[in-house]
């Protein structure tokens, strides 16, 4: 059994801590947090290797782990590789999906990312591919939305989560060439955005969720 589902639970709990929830509440309304999420995750895994069976040293050097953990390596967001080449490598891609005009584009992107060619790998089919998806449902004050364009199909967080789940296996022409994915762990709420800047609390509840997916066999 892969360590990835256990790490996902650990990551979600980490992001639910007060300090991280405050950070998320700021990031999701002021920036594109995808890169931040991948770096935060890589550092969290690297500093907690023993919890996930990744702390074994490569050789006599105790500070050189057998398992390489790297962010933005080999054109994937997080790359985990057995430097003894006895176990298959693992890739984890991160995607942030908002309730805006790009929702379905982002679903297509995570599906595509879990199939893309990874350079300098002897066999791409041997790579264990996972995706961590952050889903953000937000409702700004009308005069504070800037260029943000809401997708009118989504009137609540439930609508966004439902569309995301359906999009993982949608065979519409829009997704042609992208593999089907399966939901391994259902979206878990990380924080609500009722107190975030620019968010209108009188509208549908705004919140942030995290889900784990993988390529479907």
N, C-alpha and C. Protein backbone atom coordinates (compact mmCIF):
# COMPACT_ATOMS: atom_id res chain seq x y z
N UNK A 1 0.85 -1.20 0.00
CA UNK A 1 0.00 0.00 0.00
C UNK A 1 0.88 1.25 0.00
N UNK A 2 0.62 2.16 -0.89
CA UNK A 2 1.40 3.37 -0.98
C UNK A 2 1.24 4.23 0.27
N UNK A 3 2.27 5.00 0.58
CA UNK A 3 2.21 5.93 1.71
C UNK A 3 1.39 7.16 1.37
N UNK A 4 1.05 7.37 0.09
CA UNK A 4 0.45 8.64 -0.34
C UNK A 4 -0.89 8.94 0.36
N UNK A 5 -1.83 7.97 0.46
CA UNK A 5 -3.07 8.30 1.18
C UNK A 5 -2.83 8.73 2.63
N UNK A 6 -1.90 8.08 3.31
CA UNK A 6 -1.59 8.47 4.70
C UNK A 6 -0.99 9.86 4.73
N UNK A 7 -0.13 10.15 3.77
CA UNK A 7 0.45 11.49 3.72
C UNK A 7 -0.61 12.53 3.41
N UNK A 8 -1.56 12.18 2.55
CA UNK A 8 -2.65 13.12 2.24
C UNK A 8 -3.40 13.49 3.52
N UNK A 9 -3.73 12.49 4.34
CA UNK A 9 -4.42 12.77 5.60
C UNK A 9 -3.57 13.68 6.49
N UNK A 10 -2.28 13.41 6.52
CA UNK A 10 -1.36 14.21 7.34
C UNK A 10 -1.30 15.64 6.81
N UNK A 11 -1.25 15.79 5.49
CA UNK A 11 -1.22 17.12 4.88
C UNK A 11 -2.50 17.89 5.18
N UNK A 12 -3.64 17.22 5.04
CA UNK A 12 -4.91 17.89 5.32
C UNK A 12 -4.97 18.37 6.77
N UNK A 13 -4.54 17.52 7.70
CA UNK A 13 -4.53 17.91 9.12
C UNK A 13 -3.59 19.09 9.34
N UNK A 14 -2.45 19.05 8.68
CA UNK A 14 -1.49 20.15 8.77
C UNK A 14 -2.12 21.46 8.30
N UNK A 15 -2.81 21.42 7.18
CA UNK A 15 -3.40 22.63 6.61
C UNK A 15 -4.63 23.11 7.39
N UNK A 16 -5.16 22.25 8.25
CA UNK A 16 -6.30 22.63 9.08
C UNK A 16 -5.89 23.33 10.37
N UNK A 17 -4.59 23.38 10.65
CA UNK A 17 -4.11 24.07 11.84
C UNK A 17 -4.35 25.57 11.68
N UNK A 18 -4.55 26.26 12.80
CA UNK A 18 -4.96 27.67 12.76
C UNK A 18 -4.05 28.53 11.90
N UNK A 19 -2.73 28.37 12.06
CA UNK A 19 -1.80 29.21 11.31
C UNK A 19 -1.92 28.95 9.81
N UNK A 20 -2.05 27.69 9.42
CA UNK A 20 -2.14 27.36 8.02
C UNK A 20 -3.49 27.74 7.45
N UNK A 21 -4.54 27.62 8.23
CA UNK A 21 -5.86 28.04 7.77
C UNK A 21 -5.87 29.54 7.49
N UNK A 22 -5.22 30.30 8.34
CA UNK A 22 -5.12 31.74 8.10
C UNK A 22 -4.33 32.03 6.82
N UNK A 23 -3.26 31.26 6.63
CA UNK A 23 -2.47 31.43 5.41
C UNK A 23 -3.31 31.11 4.17
N UNK A 24 -4.04 30.00 4.23
CA UNK A 24 -4.88 29.62 3.10
C UNK A 24 -5.95 30.67 2.81
N UNK A 25 -6.57 31.18 3.86
CA UNK A 25 -7.62 32.18 3.69
C UNK A 25 -7.10 33.42 2.98
N UNK A 26 -5.82 33.70 3.18
CA UNK A 26 -5.21 34.83 2.49
C UNK A 26 -4.82 34.46 1.07
N UNK A 27 -4.16 33.33 0.92
CA UNK A 27 -3.62 32.94 -0.38
C UNK A 27 -4.71 32.75 -1.44
N UNK A 28 -5.80 32.09 -1.08
CA UNK A 28 -6.78 31.73 -2.11
C UNK A 28 -7.56 32.93 -2.64
N UNK A 29 -7.50 34.07 -1.94
CA UNK A 29 -8.18 35.27 -2.44
C UNK A 29 -7.21 36.31 -2.97
N UNK A 30 -5.89 36.07 -2.82
CA UNK A 30 -4.92 37.07 -3.27
C UNK A 30 -3.89 36.54 -4.25
N UNK A 31 -3.77 35.22 -4.38
CA UNK A 31 -2.70 34.66 -5.21
C UNK A 31 -3.13 33.31 -5.79
N UNK A 32 -2.30 32.78 -6.68
CA UNK A 32 -2.50 31.42 -7.19
C UNK A 32 -1.65 30.50 -6.30
N UNK A 33 -2.26 29.74 -5.40
CA UNK A 33 -1.50 29.03 -4.37
C UNK A 33 -0.95 27.66 -4.79
N UNK A 34 -1.03 27.32 -6.06
CA UNK A 34 -0.63 25.98 -6.50
C UNK A 34 0.83 25.68 -6.19
N UNK A 35 1.71 26.60 -6.53
CA UNK A 35 3.13 26.39 -6.30
C UNK A 35 3.44 26.33 -4.80
N UNK A 36 2.78 27.20 -4.05
CA UNK A 36 2.96 27.20 -2.59
C UNK A 36 2.54 25.85 -2.03
N UNK A 37 1.44 25.31 -2.52
CA UNK A 37 0.94 24.03 -2.00
C UNK A 37 1.94 22.90 -2.26
N UNK A 38 2.54 22.88 -3.44
CA UNK A 38 3.49 21.81 -3.76
C UNK A 38 4.75 21.93 -2.91
N UNK A 39 5.24 23.15 -2.70
CA UNK A 39 6.43 23.34 -1.87
C UNK A 39 6.15 23.00 -0.41
N UNK A 40 5.01 23.43 0.09
CA UNK A 40 4.62 23.13 1.47
C UNK A 40 4.53 21.62 1.67
N UNK A 41 3.97 20.93 0.70
CA UNK A 41 3.80 19.48 0.80
C UNK A 41 5.14 18.76 0.76
N UNK A 42 6.02 19.18 -0.15
CA UNK A 42 7.34 18.54 -0.24
C UNK A 42 8.13 18.72 1.04
N UNK A 43 8.09 19.91 1.62
CA UNK A 43 8.81 20.16 2.87
C UNK A 43 8.21 19.35 4.01
N UNK A 44 6.89 19.25 4.03
CA UNK A 44 6.21 18.49 5.09
C UNK A 44 6.59 17.02 5.01
N UNK A 45 6.62 16.47 3.80
CA UNK A 45 6.99 15.06 3.65
C UNK A 45 8.46 14.84 4.00
N UNK A 46 9.32 15.73 3.55
CA UNK A 46 10.75 15.59 3.80
C UNK A 46 11.08 15.64 5.29
N UNK A 47 10.40 16.49 6.04
CA UNK A 47 10.70 16.65 7.46
C UNK A 47 9.97 15.63 8.34
N UNK A 48 9.15 14.79 7.72
CA UNK A 48 8.44 13.75 8.47
C UNK A 48 8.60 12.39 7.79
N UNK A 49 9.77 12.14 7.24
CA UNK A 49 10.04 10.92 6.49
C UNK A 49 9.73 9.65 7.27
N UNK A 50 10.12 9.63 8.55
CA UNK A 50 9.99 8.41 9.35
C UNK A 50 8.53 7.96 9.44
N UNK A 51 7.60 8.90 9.44
CA UNK A 51 6.19 8.56 9.55
C UNK A 51 5.70 7.77 8.34
N UNK A 52 6.39 7.90 7.22
CA UNK A 52 5.91 7.30 5.97
C UNK A 52 6.90 6.30 5.37
N UNK A 53 7.85 5.86 6.20
CA UNK A 53 8.78 4.82 5.76
C UNK A 53 9.80 5.29 4.74
N UNK A 54 10.17 6.57 4.78
CA UNK A 54 11.09 7.13 3.79
C UNK A 54 12.38 7.63 4.42
N UNK A 55 12.68 7.20 5.63
CA UNK A 55 13.83 7.75 6.36
C UNK A 55 15.09 6.92 6.23
N UNK A 56 15.03 5.75 5.60
CA UNK A 56 16.20 4.88 5.49
C UNK A 56 17.33 5.59 4.73
N UNK A 57 18.57 5.56 5.25
CA UNK A 57 19.68 6.18 4.53
C UNK A 57 20.07 5.38 3.30
N UNK A 58 20.62 6.07 2.32
CA UNK A 58 21.06 5.41 1.09
C UNK A 58 22.29 4.53 1.35
N UNK A 59 23.20 5.04 2.19
CA UNK A 59 24.43 4.31 2.48
C UNK A 59 24.93 4.73 3.86
N UNK A 60 26.24 4.79 4.05
CA UNK A 60 26.82 5.12 5.36
C UNK A 60 26.58 6.57 5.75
N UNK A 61 26.21 7.43 4.81
CA UNK A 61 25.95 8.85 5.10
C UNK A 61 24.52 8.99 5.62
N UNK A 62 24.39 9.27 6.88
CA UNK A 62 23.07 9.27 7.52
C UNK A 62 22.18 10.41 7.04
N UNK A 63 22.77 11.43 6.45
CA UNK A 63 21.95 12.56 5.97
C UNK A 63 21.71 12.49 4.47
N UNK A 64 21.89 11.30 3.88
CA UNK A 64 21.54 11.09 2.47
C UNK A 64 20.49 9.99 2.43
N UNK A 65 19.21 10.37 2.39
CA UNK A 65 18.15 9.35 2.40
C UNK A 65 18.12 8.54 1.11
N UNK A 66 17.70 7.31 1.28
CA UNK A 66 17.51 6.44 0.11
C UNK A 66 16.46 7.02 -0.83
N UNK A 67 15.40 7.57 -0.25
CA UNK A 67 14.30 8.10 -1.05
C UNK A 67 14.51 9.59 -1.30
N UNK A 68 14.63 9.95 -2.57
CA UNK A 68 14.73 11.34 -2.96
C UNK A 68 13.33 11.96 -2.95
N UNK A 69 13.20 13.10 -2.29
CA UNK A 69 11.96 13.87 -2.31
C UNK A 69 12.31 15.25 -2.86
N UNK A 70 11.72 15.61 -4.00
CA UNK A 70 12.08 16.87 -4.64
C UNK A 70 10.86 17.54 -5.23
N UNK A 71 10.77 18.86 -5.06
CA UNK A 71 9.72 19.64 -5.69
C UNK A 71 10.21 20.15 -7.04
N UNK A 72 9.31 20.18 -8.00
CA UNK A 72 9.63 20.67 -9.35
C UNK A 72 10.82 19.92 -9.94
N UNK A 73 10.77 18.60 -9.88
CA UNK A 73 11.81 17.76 -10.47
C UNK A 73 11.20 16.93 -11.59
N UNK A 74 11.94 16.76 -12.68
CA UNK A 74 11.48 15.96 -13.82
C UNK A 74 10.12 16.44 -14.37
N UNK A 75 9.91 17.73 -14.26
CA UNK A 75 8.69 18.36 -14.79
C UNK A 75 7.42 17.90 -14.08
N UNK A 76 7.54 17.42 -12.85
CA UNK A 76 6.37 17.13 -12.03
C UNK A 76 6.47 17.95 -10.75
N UNK A 77 5.34 18.15 -10.09
CA UNK A 77 5.32 19.01 -8.91
C UNK A 77 6.09 18.42 -7.74
N UNK A 78 5.93 17.12 -7.50
CA UNK A 78 6.71 16.46 -6.46
C UNK A 78 7.11 15.08 -6.94
N UNK A 79 8.39 14.78 -6.82
CA UNK A 79 8.97 13.55 -7.33
C UNK A 79 9.60 12.80 -6.17
N UNK A 80 9.21 11.52 -5.98
CA UNK A 80 9.75 10.67 -4.92
C UNK A 80 10.36 9.45 -5.60
N UNK A 81 11.67 9.27 -5.41
CA UNK A 81 12.38 8.24 -6.16
C UNK A 81 13.28 7.41 -5.25
N UNK A 82 13.21 6.11 -5.40
CA UNK A 82 14.09 5.18 -4.71
C UNK A 82 15.45 5.21 -5.41
N UNK A 83 16.47 5.75 -4.75
CA UNK A 83 17.78 5.88 -5.38
C UNK A 83 18.51 4.55 -5.51
N UNK A 84 17.94 3.49 -4.94
CA UNK A 84 18.46 2.15 -5.18
C UNK A 84 17.74 1.49 -6.36
N UNK A 85 16.70 2.15 -6.84
CA UNK A 85 15.94 1.69 -8.01
C UNK A 85 15.34 0.30 -7.81
N UNK A 86 14.92 0.04 -6.58
CA UNK A 86 14.25 -1.22 -6.27
C UNK A 86 12.73 -1.07 -6.25
N UNK A 87 12.25 0.14 -6.04
CA UNK A 87 10.82 0.43 -6.00
C UNK A 87 10.50 1.47 -7.07
N UNK A 88 9.29 1.44 -7.62
CA UNK A 88 8.95 2.41 -8.68
C UNK A 88 8.86 3.83 -8.12
N UNK A 89 9.17 4.82 -8.95
CA UNK A 89 9.06 6.21 -8.51
C UNK A 89 7.60 6.64 -8.37
N UNK A 90 7.41 7.72 -7.66
CA UNK A 90 6.07 8.26 -7.40
C UNK A 90 6.05 9.73 -7.81
N UNK A 91 5.03 10.11 -8.53
CA UNK A 91 4.85 11.53 -8.85
C UNK A 91 3.54 12.01 -8.22
N UNK A 92 3.58 13.23 -7.71
CA UNK A 92 2.38 13.86 -7.17
C UNK A 92 2.22 15.22 -7.83
N UNK A 93 1.11 15.40 -8.51
CA UNK A 93 0.80 16.68 -9.14
C UNK A 93 -0.22 17.42 -8.29
N UNK A 94 -0.09 18.73 -8.25
CA UNK A 94 -0.99 19.57 -7.46
C UNK A 94 -1.77 20.49 -8.39
N UNK A 95 -3.04 20.65 -8.07
CA UNK A 95 -3.88 21.52 -8.88
C UNK A 95 -4.86 22.25 -7.96
N UNK A 96 -5.07 23.54 -8.24
CA UNK A 96 -6.05 24.34 -7.50
C UNK A 96 -7.17 24.69 -8.46
N UNK A 97 -8.40 24.37 -8.07
CA UNK A 97 -9.57 24.58 -8.92
C UNK A 97 -10.54 25.52 -8.21
N UNK A 98 -10.86 26.62 -8.87
CA UNK A 98 -11.81 27.60 -8.34
C UNK A 98 -13.15 27.47 -9.06
N UNK A 99 -14.17 28.06 -8.48
CA UNK A 99 -15.50 28.08 -9.10
C UNK A 99 -15.60 29.23 -10.11
N UNK A 100 -14.71 29.19 -11.09
CA UNK A 100 -14.71 30.27 -12.07
C UNK A 100 -14.76 29.72 -13.49
N UNK A 101 -14.51 30.55 -14.45
CA UNK A 101 -14.62 30.15 -15.86
C UNK A 101 -13.62 29.08 -16.25
N UNK A 102 -12.58 28.88 -15.43
CA UNK A 102 -11.53 27.91 -15.76
C UNK A 102 -11.70 26.56 -15.05
N UNK A 103 -12.83 26.33 -14.41
CA UNK A 103 -13.02 25.11 -13.63
C UNK A 103 -12.76 23.85 -14.45
N UNK A 104 -13.42 23.72 -15.57
CA UNK A 104 -13.28 22.50 -16.37
C UNK A 104 -11.91 22.42 -17.05
N UNK A 105 -11.34 23.57 -17.35
CA UNK A 105 -9.97 23.59 -17.88
C UNK A 105 -9.01 22.98 -16.87
N UNK A 106 -9.18 23.32 -15.59
CA UNK A 106 -8.30 22.80 -14.54
C UNK A 106 -8.53 21.30 -14.30
N UNK A 107 -9.77 20.85 -14.43
CA UNK A 107 -10.02 19.41 -14.32
C UNK A 107 -9.31 18.68 -15.45
N UNK A 108 -9.38 19.24 -16.66
CA UNK A 108 -8.66 18.65 -17.79
C UNK A 108 -7.16 18.63 -17.53
N UNK A 109 -6.64 19.70 -16.92
CA UNK A 109 -5.20 19.79 -16.67
C UNK A 109 -4.72 18.72 -15.70
N UNK A 110 -5.47 18.45 -14.62
CA UNK A 110 -5.01 17.43 -13.68
C UNK A 110 -5.12 16.05 -14.33
N UNK A 111 -6.09 15.83 -15.16
CA UNK A 111 -6.17 14.56 -15.88
C UNK A 111 -4.99 14.41 -16.84
N UNK A 112 -4.67 15.46 -17.55
CA UNK A 112 -3.54 15.44 -18.47
C UNK A 112 -2.22 15.26 -17.72
N UNK A 113 -2.08 15.96 -16.59
CA UNK A 113 -0.82 15.90 -15.83
C UNK A 113 -0.49 14.49 -15.36
N UNK A 114 -1.52 13.70 -15.10
CA UNK A 114 -1.28 12.34 -14.62
C UNK A 114 -1.02 11.35 -15.77
N UNK A 115 -0.83 11.90 -16.96
CA UNK A 115 -0.50 11.06 -18.11
C UNK A 115 0.69 11.58 -18.89
N UNK A 116 1.19 12.76 -18.56
CA UNK A 116 2.24 13.37 -19.37
C UNK A 116 3.54 12.58 -19.29
N UNK A 117 4.35 12.72 -20.32
CA UNK A 117 5.63 12.03 -20.38
C UNK A 117 6.60 12.68 -19.40
N UNK A 118 7.21 11.86 -18.56
CA UNK A 118 8.19 12.33 -17.60
C UNK A 118 9.58 12.05 -18.17
N UNK A 119 10.40 13.08 -18.34
CA UNK A 119 11.71 12.89 -18.99
C UNK A 119 12.69 12.12 -18.11
N UNK A 120 13.63 11.45 -18.77
CA UNK A 120 14.74 10.76 -18.08
C UNK A 120 14.24 9.69 -17.11
N UNK A 121 13.18 8.99 -17.51
CA UNK A 121 12.66 7.86 -16.73
C UNK A 121 12.65 6.65 -17.65
N UNK A 122 13.18 5.53 -17.18
CA UNK A 122 13.33 4.37 -18.04
C UNK A 122 11.99 3.85 -18.56
N UNK A 123 10.95 3.92 -17.71
CA UNK A 123 9.63 3.45 -18.13
C UNK A 123 8.56 4.31 -17.46
N UNK A 124 7.90 5.15 -18.25
CA UNK A 124 6.86 6.02 -17.69
C UNK A 124 5.71 5.22 -17.11
N UNK A 125 5.44 4.05 -17.65
CA UNK A 125 4.32 3.24 -17.16
C UNK A 125 4.54 2.73 -15.75
N UNK A 126 5.79 2.72 -15.29
CA UNK A 126 6.07 2.22 -13.94
C UNK A 126 5.86 3.28 -12.86
N UNK A 127 5.73 4.53 -13.26
CA UNK A 127 5.57 5.62 -12.29
C UNK A 127 4.19 5.55 -11.65
N UNK A 128 4.14 5.63 -10.34
CA UNK A 128 2.87 5.68 -9.61
C UNK A 128 2.43 7.14 -9.53
N UNK A 129 1.33 7.44 -10.21
CA UNK A 129 0.92 8.83 -10.38
C UNK A 129 -0.28 9.18 -9.50
N UNK A 130 -0.13 10.29 -8.77
CA UNK A 130 -1.17 10.77 -7.86
C UNK A 130 -1.42 12.25 -8.10
N UNK A 131 -2.59 12.70 -7.71
CA UNK A 131 -2.92 14.11 -7.80
C UNK A 131 -3.57 14.60 -6.52
N UNK A 132 -3.10 15.73 -6.02
CA UNK A 132 -3.72 16.39 -4.87
C UNK A 132 -4.39 17.65 -5.39
N UNK A 133 -5.68 17.76 -5.19
CA UNK A 133 -6.45 18.86 -5.76
C UNK A 133 -7.07 19.69 -4.65
N UNK A 134 -6.78 20.98 -4.68
CA UNK A 134 -7.40 21.93 -3.77
C UNK A 134 -8.57 22.59 -4.50
N UNK A 135 -9.75 22.52 -3.92
CA UNK A 135 -10.95 23.09 -4.52
C UNK A 135 -11.39 24.29 -3.68
N UNK A 136 -11.54 25.42 -4.35
CA UNK A 136 -11.85 26.68 -3.66
C UNK A 136 -13.19 27.21 -4.18
N UNK A 137 -14.16 27.29 -3.28
CA UNK A 137 -15.43 27.94 -3.63
C UNK A 137 -15.47 29.26 -2.88
N UNK A 138 -15.51 30.36 -3.63
CA UNK A 138 -15.50 31.68 -3.01
C UNK A 138 -16.54 32.58 -3.66
N UNK A 139 -17.04 33.51 -2.88
CA UNK A 139 -18.03 34.47 -3.37
C UNK A 139 -17.60 35.86 -2.89
N UNK A 140 -17.04 36.64 -3.82
CA UNK A 140 -16.58 37.98 -3.49
C UNK A 140 -17.75 38.97 -3.43
N UNK A 141 -17.52 40.10 -2.74
CA UNK A 141 -18.44 41.22 -2.88
C UNK A 141 -18.46 41.61 -4.36
N UNK A 142 -19.59 42.05 -4.84
CA UNK A 142 -19.73 42.36 -6.26
C UNK A 142 -18.71 43.40 -6.73
N UNK A 143 -18.41 44.38 -5.87
CA UNK A 143 -17.49 45.44 -6.30
C UNK A 143 -16.04 45.11 -5.99
N UNK A 144 -15.76 43.88 -5.51
CA UNK A 144 -14.40 43.49 -5.17
C UNK A 144 -13.91 42.28 -5.97
N UNK A 145 -14.67 41.87 -6.94
CA UNK A 145 -14.33 40.65 -7.68
C UNK A 145 -13.25 40.87 -8.73
N UNK A 146 -12.98 42.15 -9.09
CA UNK A 146 -11.96 42.41 -10.09
C UNK A 146 -12.29 41.70 -11.39
N UNK A 147 -11.31 40.96 -11.93
CA UNK A 147 -11.53 40.23 -13.17
C UNK A 147 -12.00 38.80 -12.94
N UNK A 148 -12.32 38.48 -11.70
CA UNK A 148 -12.76 37.13 -11.38
C UNK A 148 -14.13 36.89 -12.01
N UNK A 149 -14.25 35.81 -12.78
CA UNK A 149 -15.50 35.50 -13.47
C UNK A 149 -16.07 34.20 -12.94
N UNK A 150 -17.17 34.27 -12.23
CA UNK A 150 -17.78 33.08 -11.65
C UNK A 150 -18.40 32.19 -12.71
N UNK A 151 -18.34 30.89 -12.45
CA UNK A 151 -19.06 29.92 -13.27
C UNK A 151 -20.46 29.82 -12.70
N UNK A 152 -21.45 30.22 -13.47
CA UNK A 152 -22.81 30.31 -12.94
C UNK A 152 -23.41 28.94 -12.61
N UNK A 153 -22.79 27.86 -13.10
CA UNK A 153 -23.29 26.52 -12.78
C UNK A 153 -23.15 26.19 -11.30
N UNK A 154 -22.27 26.90 -10.61
CA UNK A 154 -21.95 26.55 -9.23
C UNK A 154 -22.54 27.58 -8.26
N UNK A 155 -23.62 27.18 -7.63
CA UNK A 155 -24.26 28.08 -6.67
C UNK A 155 -23.84 27.79 -5.24
N UNK A 156 -23.13 26.68 -5.03
CA UNK A 156 -22.70 26.30 -3.69
C UNK A 156 -21.45 25.44 -3.80
N UNK A 157 -20.73 25.24 -2.68
CA UNK A 157 -19.57 24.33 -2.71
C UNK A 157 -19.94 22.94 -3.21
N UNK A 158 -21.13 22.48 -2.85
CA UNK A 158 -21.57 21.16 -3.27
C UNK A 158 -21.58 21.03 -4.79
N UNK A 159 -22.03 22.09 -5.48
CA UNK A 159 -22.08 22.06 -6.94
C UNK A 159 -20.67 21.93 -7.53
N UNK A 160 -19.70 22.64 -6.94
CA UNK A 160 -18.33 22.56 -7.43
C UNK A 160 -17.74 21.17 -7.20
N UNK A 161 -17.93 20.62 -6.01
CA UNK A 161 -17.38 19.31 -5.69
C UNK A 161 -18.01 18.22 -6.57
N UNK A 162 -19.30 18.34 -6.83
CA UNK A 162 -20.01 17.38 -7.67
C UNK A 162 -19.48 17.43 -9.10
N UNK A 163 -19.27 18.63 -9.62
CA UNK A 163 -18.77 18.78 -10.98
C UNK A 163 -17.34 18.24 -11.09
N UNK A 164 -16.55 18.46 -10.08
CA UNK A 164 -15.18 17.95 -10.07
C UNK A 164 -15.16 16.43 -10.11
N UNK A 165 -15.97 15.80 -9.26
CA UNK A 165 -16.01 14.34 -9.21
C UNK A 165 -16.46 13.77 -10.56
N UNK A 166 -17.47 14.38 -11.16
CA UNK A 166 -17.96 13.90 -12.45
C UNK A 166 -16.93 14.10 -13.55
N UNK A 167 -16.18 15.20 -13.47
CA UNK A 167 -15.20 15.52 -14.50
C UNK A 167 -14.02 14.58 -14.55
N UNK A 168 -13.78 13.83 -13.49
CA UNK A 168 -12.64 12.92 -13.46
C UNK A 168 -12.77 11.79 -14.48
N UNK A 169 -14.01 11.44 -14.82
CA UNK A 169 -14.24 10.35 -15.77
C UNK A 169 -15.13 10.77 -16.93
N UNK A 170 -15.34 12.05 -17.11
CA UNK A 170 -16.19 12.54 -18.18
C UNK A 170 -15.54 12.22 -19.53
N UNK A 171 -16.32 11.63 -20.45
CA UNK A 171 -15.79 11.27 -21.77
C UNK A 171 -16.19 12.28 -22.85
N UNK A 172 -16.55 13.48 -22.44
CA UNK A 172 -16.90 14.52 -23.41
C UNK A 172 -15.69 14.84 -24.27
N UNK A 173 -15.91 15.30 -25.49
CA UNK A 173 -14.80 15.63 -26.39
C UNK A 173 -13.78 16.58 -25.77
N UNK A 174 -14.24 17.43 -24.87
CA UNK A 174 -13.35 18.39 -24.20
C UNK A 174 -12.17 17.67 -23.55
N UNK A 175 -12.40 16.44 -23.04
CA UNK A 175 -11.36 15.71 -22.31
C UNK A 175 -10.64 14.68 -23.17
N UNK A 176 -10.82 14.75 -24.48
CA UNK A 176 -10.20 13.76 -25.36
C UNK A 176 -8.69 13.71 -25.15
N UNK A 177 -8.17 12.50 -25.01
CA UNK A 177 -6.74 12.32 -24.81
C UNK A 177 -6.29 12.35 -23.37
N UNK A 178 -7.18 12.71 -22.45
CA UNK A 178 -6.84 12.75 -21.02
C UNK A 178 -7.36 11.48 -20.35
N UNK A 179 -6.56 10.81 -19.54
CA UNK A 179 -6.99 9.56 -18.91
C UNK A 179 -8.05 9.80 -17.84
N UNK A 180 -8.84 8.78 -17.58
CA UNK A 180 -9.78 8.86 -16.47
C UNK A 180 -9.03 8.77 -15.15
N UNK A 181 -9.54 9.49 -14.17
CA UNK A 181 -8.99 9.44 -12.81
C UNK A 181 -10.03 8.87 -11.87
N UNK A 182 -9.58 8.40 -10.73
CA UNK A 182 -10.50 7.96 -9.69
C UNK A 182 -10.24 8.73 -8.41
N UNK A 183 -11.32 8.98 -7.68
CA UNK A 183 -11.22 9.66 -6.40
C UNK A 183 -10.80 8.64 -5.35
N UNK A 184 -9.64 8.84 -4.77
CA UNK A 184 -9.14 7.92 -3.74
C UNK A 184 -9.64 8.37 -2.37
N UNK A 185 -9.57 9.65 -2.11
CA UNK A 185 -10.09 10.20 -0.86
C UNK A 185 -10.96 11.41 -1.19
N UNK A 186 -12.18 11.38 -0.70
CA UNK A 186 -13.15 12.44 -1.00
C UNK A 186 -12.67 13.78 -0.45
N UNK A 187 -13.15 14.88 -1.04
CA UNK A 187 -12.74 16.20 -0.57
C UNK A 187 -13.02 16.41 0.92
N UNK A 188 -12.01 16.89 1.63
CA UNK A 188 -12.14 17.21 3.05
C UNK A 188 -12.00 18.73 3.18
N UNK A 189 -12.84 19.33 4.00
CA UNK A 189 -12.80 20.78 4.14
C UNK A 189 -11.60 21.19 4.99
N UNK A 190 -10.82 22.13 4.47
CA UNK A 190 -9.66 22.64 5.20
C UNK A 190 -10.02 23.86 6.03
N UNK A 191 -10.81 24.75 5.45
CA UNK A 191 -11.20 25.96 6.18
C UNK A 191 -12.37 26.62 5.47
N UNK A 192 -13.11 27.40 6.21
CA UNK A 192 -14.13 28.23 5.57
C UNK A 192 -13.53 29.62 5.37
N UNK A 193 -14.14 30.36 4.48
CA UNK A 193 -13.61 31.68 4.12
C UNK A 193 -14.53 32.81 4.55
N UNK A 194 -15.35 32.54 5.54
CA UNK A 194 -16.35 33.54 5.94
C UNK A 194 -15.70 34.81 6.46
N UNK A 195 -14.47 34.69 6.99
CA UNK A 195 -13.79 35.88 7.52
C UNK A 195 -12.66 36.36 6.62
N UNK A 196 -12.54 35.79 5.43
CA UNK A 196 -11.47 36.18 4.52
C UNK A 196 -11.75 37.55 3.91
N UNK A 197 -10.71 38.25 3.57
CA UNK A 197 -10.87 39.55 2.91
C UNK A 197 -11.58 39.38 1.57
N UNK A 198 -12.43 40.35 1.25
CA UNK A 198 -13.15 40.45 -0.02
C UNK A 198 -14.32 39.48 -0.16
N UNK A 199 -14.48 38.55 0.79
CA UNK A 199 -15.55 37.55 0.69
C UNK A 199 -16.84 38.10 1.29
N UNK A 200 -17.94 37.91 0.58
CA UNK A 200 -19.25 38.38 1.04
C UNK A 200 -19.91 37.26 1.85
N UNK A 201 -20.01 37.41 3.18
CA UNK A 201 -20.59 36.34 4.01
C UNK A 201 -22.09 36.17 3.80
N UNK A 202 -22.73 37.11 3.12
CA UNK A 202 -24.17 37.01 2.88
C UNK A 202 -24.49 36.06 1.72
N UNK A 203 -23.47 35.71 0.94
CA UNK A 203 -23.67 34.79 -0.17
C UNK A 203 -23.45 33.35 0.28
N UNK A 204 -23.47 32.42 -0.65
CA UNK A 204 -23.25 31.00 -0.32
C UNK A 204 -21.94 30.84 0.44
N UNK A 205 -21.90 29.91 1.39
CA UNK A 205 -20.67 29.72 2.18
C UNK A 205 -19.46 29.48 1.29
N UNK A 206 -18.37 30.17 1.59
CA UNK A 206 -17.12 30.00 0.85
C UNK A 206 -16.18 29.11 1.66
N UNK A 207 -15.49 28.19 0.99
CA UNK A 207 -14.65 27.23 1.72
C UNK A 207 -13.58 26.65 0.80
N UNK A 208 -12.60 25.98 1.43
CA UNK A 208 -11.49 25.34 0.73
C UNK A 208 -11.47 23.86 1.07
N UNK A 209 -11.27 23.02 0.07
CA UNK A 209 -11.29 21.56 0.24
C UNK A 209 -10.03 20.96 -0.38
N UNK A 210 -9.73 19.72 0.03
CA UNK A 210 -8.60 19.00 -0.52
C UNK A 210 -9.03 17.58 -0.86
N UNK A 211 -8.67 17.11 -2.06
CA UNK A 211 -9.05 15.76 -2.51
C UNK A 211 -7.83 15.04 -3.07
N UNK A 212 -7.85 13.71 -3.02
CA UNK A 212 -6.77 12.89 -3.55
C UNK A 212 -7.31 12.04 -4.70
N UNK A 213 -6.61 12.10 -5.84
CA UNK A 213 -7.00 11.32 -7.00
C UNK A 213 -5.78 10.56 -7.53
N UNK A 214 -6.05 9.59 -8.39
CA UNK A 214 -4.98 8.88 -9.07
C UNK A 214 -5.49 8.42 -10.42
N UNK A 215 -4.55 8.04 -11.26
CA UNK A 215 -4.93 7.56 -12.59
C UNK A 215 -5.64 6.23 -12.47
N UNK A 216 -6.75 6.11 -13.18
CA UNK A 216 -7.56 4.88 -13.10
C UNK A 216 -6.99 3.84 -14.05
N UNK A 217 -6.86 2.62 -13.53
CA UNK A 217 -6.33 1.52 -14.35
C UNK A 217 -7.33 1.13 -15.45
